[in-house]
Amino acid sequence: MPAAMKRLYGKASRCRIQTSTKLIQLSEFKSLQLPVIGGKECHGVTRTPQHEETFKVGQKISVKALHTPCHTKDSICWLMEDGDQRVVFTGDTLFIGGSAADMHAALNTTLAALPDDTKVYPGHEYTKQNVRFLTTVLDTEPVQALQAFADNNRQTQGKFTIGDEKASVPPPPLSPPDSARGMILTAITMNSAEQETNGAAGAPLSTKSKVLENSAAMAQVNVRQCLIYDTPEPNAKLIGVEYMISGKLFKTLDAAERKLWHSHVFEVKSGMLFMPGPEGMPTSIWEEAEIKEMEEIVGLYGKTYHFWQVDRGDKLPLGEPQLMGSLTHEDQGGEALKAMWKARDEKFRISTEQKKAKRQYIEEPEVHDDADQTWKK
């Protein structure tokens, strides 16, 4: 038990509160004339501190109230510090209820900002169940270590820190409140060599050379479905869809079907494909999540159709959907590609060159000869 908790326990014992044998009754507090501090909707509360307001327990224990309206609107996490030791009691913060925006702010802004050595005491013991699910979606050393601990220990409360949580739990893929476009996979795509207007209004189809800021990805078994938008802004136009499949699944397709798909090796290795992080997410955490995602995407094949040709000025999704390809080499984009990367880097405050350098270790899978037919016709 941390020194701060020992002193708090001792103070409670001296006040004749039987902390280990029964629940503390409100009547006991009233008889002791002690304040009841908590969320404003809690029964019997006599004082609700403001967000980040601090007060003392005894002479040394500093307590800070952190408002985290998630499971309940009046939810408060309590950060307690005693010298260089600190703990946070998080209650039901990560639990069903509240909005995506509230959850995002509580977890990725308020709690993620605490020092990494802060021990976490959640309100419920769900670690064992949660880690079993986590291992199915994220197979990393921190997750494996968490599973090993959960398997060999009855309790996990207070055994892990904020830093441990950041390492073992991936950032949310959706960026509230606009969660439909939360995971943005920015890709440069090219039209298929066969370009037909089909009598649709507007100028003839041109090679798509703009950066498409797209997409909320939904993962399935061996298949991802990505919605493509023309911008990440509110009221963006839904202009297409991309399906991504594993190399293993790609090989099961017939030859004619395989020619409709493109590889992602260049998109990943060049730094072209990236995931803008949610607001408030620490850059280092998001970059780690992004590069792990790139390790997976580099081996996937994509099949993309655009059904709204916004680059030619169409006000509606006119004509037949157009099959798209993707760049496979930097020379295919020329100076226009470099200019677009520069503009994109400035907009999202990233560096394509730095991403390219950090991804050099990612092994390039062999691309099937039937893929990337845009550049072979």
Protein backbone atom coordinates (compact mmCIF):
# COMPACT_ATOMS: atom_id res chain seq x y z
CA MET A 1 0.00 0.00 0.00
CA PRO A 2 1.47 3.42 -0.95
CA ALA A 3 2.49 5.66 1.97
CA ALA A 4 -0.32 8.08 1.07
CA MET A 5 -2.93 5.35 1.36
CA LYS A 6 -1.48 4.09 4.64
CA ARG A 7 -1.84 7.53 6.19
CA LEU A 8 -5.37 7.87 4.84
CA TYR A 9 -6.24 4.44 6.25
CA GLY A 10 -4.73 5.40 9.59
CA LYS A 11 -6.69 8.65 9.71
CA ALA A 12 -9.90 6.79 8.98
CA SER A 13 -9.15 4.27 11.71
CA ARG A 14 -8.52 7.01 14.28
CA CYS A 15 -11.90 8.48 13.30
CA ARG A 16 -13.48 5.13 14.23
CA ILE A 17 -14.47 4.38 10.58
CA GLN A 18 -14.26 0.64 10.13
CA THR A 19 -12.75 0.65 6.65
CA SER A 20 -12.02 -3.06 6.44
CA THR A 21 -15.16 -4.60 7.94
CA LYS A 22 -18.18 -2.63 6.72
CA LEU A 23 -19.34 0.11 4.42
CA ILE A 24 -19.00 3.65 5.75
CA GLN A 25 -22.46 4.99 6.52
CA LEU A 26 -23.38 8.62 5.86
CA SER A 27 -24.62 8.86 9.40
CA GLU A 28 -21.08 8.22 10.63
CA PHE A 29 -19.77 11.13 8.58
CA LYS A 30 -22.53 13.37 9.92
CA SER A 31 -21.72 12.47 13.48
CA LEU A 32 -18.07 13.24 12.84
CA GLN A 33 -19.02 16.47 11.07
CA LEU A 34 -16.89 15.55 8.05
CA PRO A 35 -17.61 16.90 4.55
CA VAL A 36 -18.82 14.45 1.92
CA ILE A 37 -16.95 15.35 -1.28
CA GLY A 38 -18.03 13.93 -4.61
CA GLY A 39 -20.04 14.36 -7.80
CA LYS A 40 -22.96 16.74 -7.49
CA GLU A 41 -25.54 14.04 -8.27
CA CYS A 42 -24.27 11.65 -5.59
CA HIS A 43 -26.52 11.14 -2.58
CA GLY A 44 -25.33 12.88 0.58
CA VAL A 45 -22.60 14.96 -1.07
CA THR A 46 -21.99 18.25 0.68
CA ARG A 47 -19.30 19.66 -1.64
CA THR A 48 -18.38 19.15 -5.29
CA PRO A 49 -14.96 20.56 -6.25
CA GLN A 50 -14.37 22.23 -9.60
CA HIS A 51 -12.35 20.48 -12.32
CA GLU A 52 -8.66 20.41 -11.28
CA GLU A 53 -9.47 21.93 -7.89
CA THR A 54 -7.18 20.60 -5.16
CA PHE A 55 -7.59 20.05 -1.44
CA LYS A 56 -5.73 18.27 1.34
CA VAL A 57 -6.36 15.09 3.26
CA GLY A 58 -4.38 15.49 6.44
CA GLN A 59 -1.18 17.50 6.16
CA LYS A 60 0.54 15.87 3.20
CA ILE A 61 -1.89 14.12 0.88
CA SER A 62 -2.91 16.41 -1.99
CA VAL A 63 -6.11 15.51 -3.84
CA LYS A 64 -7.07 16.89 -7.27
CA ALA A 65 -10.53 16.48 -8.75
CA LEU A 66 -10.56 15.55 -12.44
CA HIS A 67 -14.00 15.79 -14.02
CA THR A 68 -14.51 12.88 -16.44
CA PRO A 69 -18.18 12.82 -17.50
CA CYS A 70 -18.48 9.40 -19.14
CA HIS A 71 -20.41 6.61 -17.43
CA THR A 72 -22.15 9.30 -15.39
CA LYS A 73 -22.27 13.03 -16.09
CA ASP A 74 -20.94 13.90 -12.63
CA SER A 75 -18.06 11.39 -12.72
CA ILE A 76 -14.87 12.57 -11.04
CA CYS A 77 -11.46 10.89 -10.96
CA TRP A 78 -9.35 11.58 -7.90
CA LEU A 79 -5.60 12.14 -8.26
CA MET A 80 -3.82 11.76 -4.91
CA GLU A 81 -0.20 12.75 -4.43
CA ASP A 82 2.13 12.31 -1.48
CA GLY A 83 5.61 13.51 -2.31
CA ASP A 84 6.77 11.65 -5.40
CA GLN A 85 4.05 9.00 -5.09
CA ARG A 86 0.75 9.40 -6.90
CA VAL A 87 -2.36 7.33 -7.57
CA VAL A 88 -5.59 7.99 -9.45
CA PHE A 89 -8.97 6.49 -8.61
CA THR A 90 -10.82 6.31 -11.91
CA GLY A 91 -14.12 4.75 -10.85
CA ASP A 92 -16.32 3.89 -13.84
CA THR A 93 -14.70 6.31 -16.32
CA LEU A 94 -14.19 3.66 -19.02
CA PHE A 95 -17.65 2.15 -18.96
CA ILE A 96 -20.78 2.24 -21.08
CA GLY A 97 -22.54 5.61 -21.03
CA GLY A 98 -21.81 9.18 -22.06
CA SER A 99 -20.83 10.32 -25.52
CA ALA A 100 -17.84 9.49 -27.71
CA ALA A 101 -16.61 13.07 -27.29
CA ASP A 102 -16.81 12.80 -23.49
CA MET A 103 -14.97 9.49 -23.48
CA HIS A 104 -12.29 10.82 -25.81
CA ALA A 105 -11.70 13.91 -23.64
CA ALA A 106 -11.64 11.92 -20.39
CA LEU A 107 -9.27 9.20 -21.57
CA ASN A 108 -7.04 10.89 -24.14
CA THR A 109 -6.88 14.40 -22.74
CA THR A 110 -7.47 14.34 -18.99
CA LEU A 111 -6.14 10.95 -17.86
CA ALA A 112 -3.48 10.54 -20.55
CA ALA A 113 -1.93 13.83 -19.38
CA LEU A 114 -1.15 12.42 -15.93
CA PRO A 115 2.45 11.44 -15.16
CA ASP A 116 3.29 7.98 -16.49
CA ASP A 117 4.18 6.68 -13.01
CA THR A 118 0.66 7.34 -11.65
CA LYS A 119 -0.83 4.09 -10.34
CA VAL A 120 -4.39 3.42 -11.49
CA TYR A 121 -7.19 2.11 -9.28
CA PRO A 122 -10.30 1.42 -11.44
CA GLY A 123 -13.75 0.96 -9.97
CA HIS A 124 -14.21 -2.59 -11.32
CA GLU A 125 -11.90 -5.52 -11.94
CA TYR A 126 -12.35 -6.29 -15.64
CA THR A 127 -8.70 -6.60 -16.60
CA LYS A 128 -8.78 -10.36 -17.03
CA GLN A 129 -11.73 -10.27 -19.42
CA ASN A 130 -10.49 -7.19 -21.26
CA VAL A 131 -7.01 -8.52 -21.92
CA ARG A 132 -8.43 -11.70 -23.45
CA PHE A 133 -10.19 -9.53 -26.03
CA LEU A 134 -7.20 -7.20 -26.45
CA THR A 135 -4.93 -10.05 -27.46
CA THR A 136 -7.21 -10.76 -30.43
CA VAL A 137 -6.69 -7.27 -31.88
CA LEU A 138 -3.25 -6.20 -30.66
CA ASP A 139 -0.46 -8.71 -30.20
CA THR A 140 2.32 -6.62 -28.65
CA GLU A 141 4.83 -7.19 -25.85
CA PRO A 142 2.97 -4.89 -23.38
CA VAL A 143 -0.28 -6.75 -24.06
CA GLN A 144 1.42 -10.12 -23.66
CA ALA A 145 2.93 -8.96 -20.37
CA LEU A 146 -0.47 -7.76 -19.17
CA GLN A 147 -2.03 -11.11 -20.06
CA ALA A 148 0.70 -12.99 -18.21
CA PHE A 149 0.17 -10.85 -15.12
CA ALA A 150 -3.62 -11.28 -15.26
CA ASP A 151 -3.24 -15.05 -15.62
CA ASN A 152 -0.96 -15.29 -12.59
CA ASN A 153 -2.54 -12.77 -10.21
CA ARG A 154 -5.97 -12.64 -8.65
CA GLN A 155 -6.16 -8.85 -8.56
CA THR A 156 -4.73 -6.13 -10.81
CA GLN A 157 -6.00 -2.90 -9.23
CA GLY A 158 -3.18 -0.53 -8.41
CA LYS A 159 -0.61 -2.75 -10.10
CA PHE A 160 -0.37 -0.74 -13.31
CA THR A 161 0.31 2.88 -14.13
CA ILE A 162 -0.89 5.44 -16.65
CA GLY A 163 2.29 4.67 -18.60
CA ASP A 164 1.39 0.98 -18.65
CA GLU A 165 -2.09 1.81 -19.90
CA LYS A 166 -0.68 3.89 -22.76
CA ALA A 167 1.67 1.08 -23.77
CA SER A 168 -0.87 -1.75 -23.66
CA VAL A 169 -4.07 -0.10 -24.87
CA PRO A 170 -4.13 1.29 -28.43
CA PRO A 171 -5.59 4.75 -29.06
CA PRO A 172 -9.14 4.70 -30.29
CA PRO A 173 -9.35 4.42 -34.09
CA LEU A 174 -12.25 6.83 -34.28
CA SER A 175 -11.85 10.50 -33.48
CA PRO A 176 -14.98 11.84 -31.82
CA PRO A 177 -17.25 13.64 -32.16
CA ASP A 178 -17.06 13.10 -35.94
CA SER A 179 -16.44 9.40 -35.51
CA ALA A 180 -17.69 8.42 -38.96
CA ARG A 181 -14.47 9.82 -40.41
CA GLY A 182 -12.32 9.19 -37.38
CA MET A 183 -9.56 7.05 -38.82
CA ILE A 184 -8.30 9.06 -41.76
CA LEU A 185 -6.23 7.10 -44.22
CA THR A 186 -4.89 9.64 -46.66
CA ALA A 187 -4.05 8.08 -50.00
CA ILE A 188 -3.29 9.31 -53.49
CA THR A 189 -5.26 7.30 -56.03
CA MET A 190 -5.21 7.13 -59.80
CA ASN A 191 -7.98 6.44 -62.29
CA SER A 192 -8.09 3.18 -64.16
CA ALA A 193 -6.66 3.40 -67.69
CA GLU A 194 -10.17 2.87 -69.04
CA GLN A 195 -11.86 6.23 -68.53
CA GLU A 196 -15.43 6.68 -69.72
CA THR A 197 -17.79 9.56 -69.06
CA ASN A 198 -20.88 7.49 -69.90
CA GLY A 199 -22.59 10.68 -70.96
CA ALA A 200 -22.30 12.21 -67.49
CA ALA A 201 -22.22 15.99 -67.24
CA GLY A 202 -18.94 17.76 -66.61
CA ALA A 203 -15.47 17.68 -68.08
CA PRO A 204 -13.89 14.37 -69.14
CA LEU A 205 -12.42 12.33 -66.31
CA SER A 206 -8.91 13.40 -65.42
CA THR A 207 -6.18 11.52 -63.62
CA LYS A 208 -6.82 11.93 -59.95
CA SER A 209 -3.80 13.74 -58.63
CA LYS A 210 -5.24 15.23 -55.50
CA VAL A 211 -4.86 13.88 -52.02
CA LEU A 212 -8.09 12.27 -50.93
CA GLU A 213 -8.67 12.86 -47.27
CA ASN A 214 -10.76 9.86 -46.56
CA SER A 215 -12.22 7.28 -44.54
CA ALA A 216 -13.55 5.42 -41.57
CA ALA A 217 -12.24 1.87 -41.67
CA MET A 218 -14.22 -1.07 -40.36
CA ALA A 219 -12.19 -4.23 -39.88
CA GLN A 220 -13.62 -7.65 -40.53
CA VAL A 221 -11.92 -11.02 -40.81
CA ASN A 222 -9.31 -10.52 -43.57
CA VAL A 223 -11.38 -7.64 -45.01
CA ARG A 224 -11.43 -3.91 -44.33
CA GLN A 225 -14.05 -1.53 -45.67
CA CYS A 226 -12.97 2.10 -46.01
CA LEU A 227 -15.34 4.94 -46.81
CA ILE A 228 -13.69 7.67 -48.89
CA TYR A 229 -14.57 11.34 -48.41
CA ASP A 230 -13.36 14.34 -50.37
CA THR A 231 -12.32 16.20 -47.19
CA PRO A 232 -12.20 15.49 -43.44
CA GLU A 233 -14.47 18.49 -42.81
CA PRO A 234 -18.14 18.42 -41.71
CA ASN A 235 -20.60 17.86 -44.58
CA ALA A 236 -17.90 16.16 -46.66
CA LYS A 237 -19.00 14.24 -49.75
CA LEU A 238 -18.86 10.44 -49.65
CA ILE A 239 -17.16 9.79 -52.98
CA GLY A 240 -16.10 6.16 -52.89
CA VAL A 241 -15.24 2.98 -51.07
CA GLU A 242 -12.14 0.81 -50.80
CA TYR A 243 -12.02 -2.81 -49.78
CA MET A 244 -8.74 -4.18 -48.41
CA ILE A 245 -7.91 -7.87 -48.19
CA SER A 246 -4.95 -9.94 -47.09
CA GLY A 247 -2.41 -11.33 -49.51
CA LYS A 248 -3.56 -14.82 -48.62
CA LEU A 249 -7.15 -14.02 -49.58
CA PHE A 250 -5.99 -12.18 -52.72
CA LYS A 251 -4.32 -15.33 -54.02
CA THR A 252 -7.62 -17.21 -53.89
CA LEU A 253 -9.20 -14.85 -56.44
CA ASP A 254 -9.27 -15.71 -60.14
CA ALA A 255 -6.88 -13.93 -62.50
CA ALA A 256 -9.49 -11.55 -63.91
CA GLU A 257 -10.56 -10.45 -60.45
CA ARG A 258 -6.98 -9.96 -59.20
CA LYS A 259 -6.40 -7.38 -61.94
CA LEU A 260 -8.92 -5.06 -60.28
CA TRP A 261 -6.85 -4.75 -57.11
CA HIS A 262 -3.82 -2.63 -56.22
CA SER A 263 -0.97 -3.02 -53.72
CA HIS A 264 -0.12 -0.71 -50.81
CA VAL A 265 3.64 -1.15 -50.64
CA PHE A 266 4.50 2.23 -52.14
CA GLU A 267 1.78 4.03 -50.18
CA VAL A 268 3.24 2.71 -46.91
CA LYS A 269 6.97 2.82 -47.62
CA SER A 270 6.93 6.29 -49.18
CA GLY A 271 5.14 7.84 -46.21
CA MET A 272 2.20 8.73 -48.46
CA LEU A 273 -0.34 6.82 -46.39
CA PHE A 274 -0.84 8.22 -42.91
CA MET A 275 -3.37 8.49 -40.09
CA PRO A 276 -3.95 11.97 -38.66
CA GLY A 277 -4.21 11.61 -34.90
CA PRO A 278 -7.26 12.54 -32.82
CA GLU A 279 -7.11 15.96 -31.19
CA GLY A 280 -5.42 15.73 -27.79
CA MET A 281 -3.72 12.42 -28.49
CA PRO A 282 0.01 12.53 -27.58
CA THR A 283 1.99 12.46 -30.84
CA SER A 284 4.37 9.71 -29.71
CA ILE A 285 1.51 7.36 -28.85
CA TRP A 286 -0.33 7.95 -32.10
CA GLU A 287 2.81 7.55 -34.23
CA GLU A 288 3.48 4.19 -32.58
CA ALA A 289 -0.08 3.10 -33.35
CA GLU A 290 0.21 4.39 -36.91
CA ILE A 291 3.41 2.53 -37.70
CA LYS A 292 1.95 -0.69 -36.29
CA GLU A 293 -1.00 -0.20 -38.62
CA MET A 294 1.37 0.34 -41.55
CA GLU A 295 3.06 -2.99 -40.80
CA GLU A 296 -0.31 -4.61 -41.52
CA ILE A 297 -1.44 -2.47 -44.45
CA VAL A 298 1.79 -2.95 -46.42
CA GLY A 299 0.71 -6.51 -47.27
CA LEU A 300 -2.92 -5.74 -48.11
CA TYR A 301 -4.49 -5.38 -51.55
CA GLY A 302 -7.13 -2.75 -52.22
CA LYS A 303 -10.07 -2.53 -54.61
CA THR A 304 -11.40 1.01 -54.91
CA TYR A 305 -14.39 2.48 -56.68
CA HIS A 306 -15.22 6.18 -56.88
CA PHE A 307 -18.81 7.07 -57.63
CA TRP A 308 -18.70 10.85 -57.22
CA GLN A 309 -16.25 12.60 -59.56
CA VAL A 310 -15.72 15.77 -57.53
CA ASP A 311 -12.44 16.55 -59.31
CA ARG A 312 -14.31 17.31 -62.53
CA GLY A 313 -16.89 19.46 -60.76
CA ASP A 314 -19.83 17.06 -60.58
CA LYS A 315 -22.47 18.31 -58.14
CA LEU A 316 -23.96 14.83 -57.86
CA PRO A 317 -22.61 11.26 -58.13
CA LEU A 318 -23.11 10.90 -61.88
CA GLY A 319 -22.34 8.05 -64.28
CA GLU A 320 -20.99 4.63 -63.45
CA PRO A 321 -18.54 4.02 -60.58
CA GLN A 322 -14.90 4.25 -61.66
CA LEU A 323 -12.31 1.64 -60.76
CA MET A 324 -9.23 3.24 -59.21
CA GLY A 325 -5.61 2.25 -58.90
CA SER A 326 -2.77 3.64 -56.80
CA LEU A 327 0.78 4.87 -57.27
CA THR A 328 3.48 2.23 -57.16
CA HIS A 329 6.51 4.49 -57.69
CA GLU A 330 7.39 8.10 -56.93
CA ASP A 331 8.19 8.84 -60.59
CA GLN A 332 4.53 8.32 -61.48
CA GLY A 333 3.55 11.48 -59.63
CA GLY A 334 6.40 13.75 -60.64
CA GLU A 335 6.69 17.29 -59.29
CA ALA A 336 2.93 17.50 -58.82
CA LEU A 337 3.12 14.67 -56.28
CA LYS A 338 5.87 16.43 -54.33
CA ALA A 339 3.87 19.63 -54.29
CA MET A 340 0.82 17.83 -52.95
CA TRP A 341 2.84 16.11 -50.26
CA LYS A 342 4.23 19.48 -49.18
CA ALA A 343 0.77 21.01 -48.96
CA ARG A 344 -0.53 18.01 -47.05
CA ASP A 345 2.40 18.07 -44.63
CA GLU A 346 1.74 21.71 -43.84
CA LYS A 347 -1.98 21.12 -43.34
CA PHE A 348 -1.60 18.16 -41.00
CA ARG A 349 1.74 19.24 -39.46
CA ILE A 350 3.55 16.05 -40.41
CA SER A 351 6.64 15.13 -42.40
CA THR A 352 6.29 12.62 -45.22
CA GLU A 353 10.06 12.24 -45.36
CA GLN A 354 10.26 11.43 -41.66
CA LYS A 355 7.51 8.85 -41.99
CA LYS A 356 9.34 7.34 -44.96
CA ALA A 357 12.55 7.08 -42.92
CA LYS A 358 10.82 5.51 -39.91
CA ARG A 359 9.16 2.86 -42.13
CA GLN A 360 12.29 1.64 -43.86
CA TYR A 361 12.47 -1.35 -41.52
CA ILE A 362 9.04 -2.59 -42.67
CA GLU A 363 9.58 -5.62 -44.85
CA GLU A 364 8.21 -5.30 -48.38
CA PRO A 365 6.03 -8.24 -49.35
CA GLU A 366 6.25 -9.60 -52.88
CA VAL A 367 3.52 -8.01 -54.99
CA HIS A 368 1.52 -10.39 -57.17
CA ASP A 369 2.00 -9.88 -60.91
CA ASP A 370 -1.73 -9.52 -61.49
CA ALA A 371 -2.05 -6.49 -59.17
CA ASP A 372 -1.53 -2.82 -60.11
CA GLN A 373 -2.84 -3.18 -63.68
CA THR A 374 -3.30 0.61 -63.91
CA TRP A 375 0.41 0.84 -64.71
CA LYS A 376 0.64 -2.28 -66.87
CA LYS A 377 -1.86 -1.44 -69.60
